[in-house]
Amino acid sequence: MKKQIGAAILLTAMMAQGQTPLADGWSRSLTKPEAKGSVEFLFPEQVNLPANKPTTVALHFRVAPGIHINSHTPKDEFLIPTVFSVPEGTGVRLEGATYPAGEVITLPLDPKEKLSVYSEEFVILARLTASPGDHLVEARLRYQACDNNACMPPRNLTVAVDVVGKTGNRE
């Protein structure tokens, strides 16, 4: 009887902390890890482009340890792809983007399912055209972060870049 009461107290305490017991004795969090900060824009903060000429800019990102995000071309139609975009009316136009190939992984929960993901650091090559002048662009990276047990809701990361469209007369 004392063991049952002790087990019930332990179970209640674990559940109050968001933990759940598993048959193998391990516990897993019932709450999903916080996605905030799971992807960080590293650089560049400023780029100089020839005005009105499409130019490729390498945008560097880092995914937090223990987290992965779906690649631009996830293996399942229900997974949310990583997509870079530039809002209209900023003086800068996104002509296209080249995404890295995703790393193919399997998760312990379902070793048969293959996922295409980004982890650690990755680079998106954005082909941008800027009108003449200085443009502070708040571009966006939409992604879905996951760990080995759960996926978080999709998020948008602001990618702030100062884009200077230079004409031939200005240096």
Protein backbone atom coordinates (compact mmCIF):
# COMPACT_ATOMS: atom_id res chain seq x y z
CA MET A 1 0.00 0.00 0.00
CA LYS A 2 2.82 2.42 0.88
CA LYS A 3 4.47 1.68 -2.49
CA GLN A 4 1.22 2.48 -4.31
CA ILE A 5 0.79 5.77 -2.44
CA GLY A 6 4.43 6.67 -3.12
CA ALA A 7 4.00 5.83 -6.81
CA ALA A 8 0.82 7.93 -6.98
CA ILE A 9 2.60 10.89 -5.36
CA LEU A 10 5.55 10.53 -7.75
CA LEU A 11 3.20 10.25 -10.75
CA THR A 12 1.27 13.36 -9.66
CA ALA A 13 4.50 15.32 -9.17
CA MET A 14 5.82 14.24 -12.57
CA MET A 15 2.60 15.22 -14.32
CA ALA A 16 2.55 18.59 -12.53
CA GLN A 17 6.00 19.22 -14.02
CA GLY A 18 4.83 18.22 -17.50
CA GLN A 19 6.44 14.76 -17.41
CA THR A 20 4.83 11.44 -18.24
CA PRO A 21 6.11 7.97 -17.28
CA LEU A 22 6.92 5.49 -20.00
CA ALA A 23 7.00 1.71 -19.77
CA ASP A 24 10.80 1.64 -19.94
CA GLY A 25 11.11 3.92 -16.90
CA TRP A 26 12.10 7.01 -18.85
CA SER A 27 9.97 10.13 -18.87
CA ARG A 28 9.11 12.48 -21.71
CA SER A 29 7.90 16.04 -21.51
CA LEU A 30 4.21 16.64 -22.22
CA THR A 31 4.99 20.25 -23.13
CA LYS A 32 6.60 21.07 -26.43
CA PRO A 33 9.97 22.82 -26.30
CA GLU A 34 9.88 26.54 -26.93
CA ALA A 35 10.50 27.29 -30.60
CA LYS A 36 11.60 30.86 -29.90
CA GLY A 37 15.27 31.13 -30.66
CA SER A 38 15.41 27.79 -32.45
CA VAL A 39 16.69 29.50 -35.65
CA GLU A 40 18.99 32.49 -35.69
CA PHE A 41 19.92 34.73 -38.62
CA LEU A 42 23.70 35.12 -38.55
CA PHE A 43 24.71 37.45 -41.40
CA PRO A 44 25.00 39.62 -43.52
CA GLU A 45 23.51 42.67 -41.83
CA GLN A 46 24.25 44.88 -44.83
CA VAL A 47 24.79 44.19 -48.54
CA ASN A 48 25.76 46.49 -51.39
CA LEU A 49 24.25 45.55 -54.74
CA PRO A 50 24.42 47.15 -58.16
CA ALA A 51 21.05 48.91 -58.51
CA ASN A 52 18.46 47.20 -60.70
CA LYS A 53 20.67 44.13 -61.36
CA PRO A 54 19.78 40.74 -59.88
CA THR A 55 22.55 39.76 -57.46
CA THR A 56 22.98 36.63 -55.33
CA VAL A 57 23.36 37.16 -51.59
CA ALA A 58 24.31 34.32 -49.21
CA LEU A 59 22.13 34.40 -46.07
CA HIS A 60 23.53 32.40 -43.14
CA PHE A 61 21.36 30.79 -40.46
CA ARG A 62 21.94 28.58 -37.41
CA VAL A 63 19.55 26.04 -35.89
CA ALA A 64 19.73 25.54 -32.11
CA PRO A 65 21.33 22.32 -30.81
CA GLY A 66 18.87 19.45 -30.41
CA ILE A 67 16.49 20.99 -32.94
CA HIS A 68 16.02 20.52 -36.68
CA ILE A 69 13.74 22.32 -39.13
CA ASN A 70 12.05 20.92 -42.21
CA SER A 71 14.00 21.62 -45.37
CA HIS A 72 12.57 23.63 -48.27
CA THR A 73 11.45 20.30 -49.75
CA PRO A 74 10.24 18.11 -46.89
CA LYS A 75 9.54 14.46 -47.69
CA ASP A 76 5.91 14.62 -46.51
CA GLU A 77 3.27 16.98 -47.92
CA PHE A 78 1.95 17.64 -44.41
CA LEU A 79 5.28 19.03 -43.17
CA ILE A 80 5.83 22.77 -43.43
CA PRO A 81 8.75 23.73 -45.68
CA THR A 82 11.33 26.39 -44.87
CA VAL A 83 10.68 29.42 -47.09
CA PHE A 84 12.49 32.76 -47.40
CA SER A 85 10.49 35.79 -48.57
CA VAL A 86 10.86 39.55 -49.01
CA PRO A 87 7.78 41.78 -48.55
CA GLU A 88 6.63 43.95 -51.43
CA GLY A 89 7.20 47.69 -51.35
CA THR A 90 10.64 47.57 -49.72
CA GLY A 91 12.65 48.65 -52.76
CA VAL A 92 14.09 45.14 -52.92
CA ARG A 93 12.63 42.25 -54.88
CA LEU A 94 13.34 38.55 -54.37
CA GLU A 95 13.92 37.10 -57.84
CA GLY A 96 14.40 33.60 -56.48
CA ALA A 97 16.13 31.56 -53.81
CA THR A 98 18.34 28.48 -53.87
CA TYR A 99 18.01 26.33 -50.79
CA PRO A 100 20.53 23.75 -49.61
CA ALA A 101 19.72 20.08 -49.93
CA GLY A 102 18.22 18.82 -46.72
CA GLU A 103 19.98 16.28 -44.55
CA VAL A 104 18.02 13.01 -44.58
CA ILE A 105 17.40 11.71 -41.07
CA THR A 106 15.22 9.17 -39.30
CA LEU A 107 13.81 9.58 -35.81
CA PRO A 108 13.88 6.96 -33.04
CA LEU A 109 10.07 7.03 -32.83
CA ASP A 110 9.67 5.92 -36.47
CA PRO A 111 12.92 4.65 -38.04
CA LYS A 112 11.14 3.84 -41.32
CA GLU A 113 10.15 7.46 -41.99
CA LYS A 114 12.81 9.62 -43.61
CA LEU A 115 12.83 13.38 -43.08
CA SER A 116 14.64 16.12 -45.02
CA VAL A 117 15.85 18.72 -42.52
CA TYR A 118 18.29 21.50 -41.78
CA SER A 119 20.28 21.40 -38.56
CA GLU A 120 23.30 23.32 -37.28
CA GLU A 121 24.15 25.95 -39.94
CA PHE A 122 22.74 26.40 -43.43
CA VAL A 123 22.86 29.00 -46.22
CA ILE A 124 20.11 30.24 -48.52
CA LEU A 125 21.25 31.95 -51.73
CA ALA A 126 18.77 34.76 -52.36
CA ARG A 127 18.76 36.47 -55.76
CA LEU A 128 17.84 40.09 -55.01
CA THR A 129 17.22 43.17 -57.14
CA ALA A 130 17.41 46.54 -55.38
CA SER A 131 16.28 49.92 -56.61
CA PRO A 132 18.82 52.73 -56.07
CA GLY A 133 19.20 53.81 -52.46
CA ASP A 134 19.32 52.40 -48.96
CA HIS A 135 16.57 49.92 -48.00
CA LEU A 136 16.10 48.36 -44.57
CA VAL A 137 14.41 45.09 -45.49
CA GLU A 138 12.62 42.96 -42.92
CA ALA A 139 12.53 39.72 -44.88
CA ARG A 140 11.08 36.58 -43.37
CA LEU A 141 12.11 32.97 -42.88
CA ARG A 142 9.11 30.71 -42.26
CA TYR A 143 10.01 27.35 -40.72
CA GLN A 144 8.83 24.58 -38.46
CA ALA A 145 11.20 23.46 -35.73
CA CYS A 146 11.14 19.95 -34.26
CA ASP A 147 13.11 17.84 -31.84
CA ASN A 148 13.19 14.03 -31.81
CA ASN A 149 9.78 13.85 -30.11
CA ALA A 150 7.59 16.73 -31.29
CA CYS A 151 7.22 19.60 -33.72
CA MET A 152 6.43 23.12 -32.64
CA PRO A 153 3.97 25.39 -34.46
CA PRO A 154 5.39 27.14 -37.55
CA ARG A 155 7.28 30.36 -36.85
CA ASN A 156 8.46 33.41 -38.77
CA LEU A 157 11.94 34.76 -38.18
CA THR A 158 12.54 38.39 -39.17
CA VAL A 159 15.64 38.61 -41.36
CA ALA A 160 16.70 42.27 -41.16
CA VAL A 161 19.14 43.28 -43.88
CA ASP A 162 20.21 46.77 -44.94
CA VAL A 163 20.30 46.54 -48.75
CA VAL A 164 22.08 49.36 -50.57
CA GLY A 165 21.34 49.62 -54.28
CA LYS A 166 24.36 51.40 -55.76
CA THR A 167 24.34 53.18 -59.10
CA GLY A 168 27.44 53.49 -61.27
CA ASN A 169 27.83 57.13 -60.20
CA ARG A 170 28.02 56.38 -56.46
CA GLU A 171 30.72 54.47 -54.66
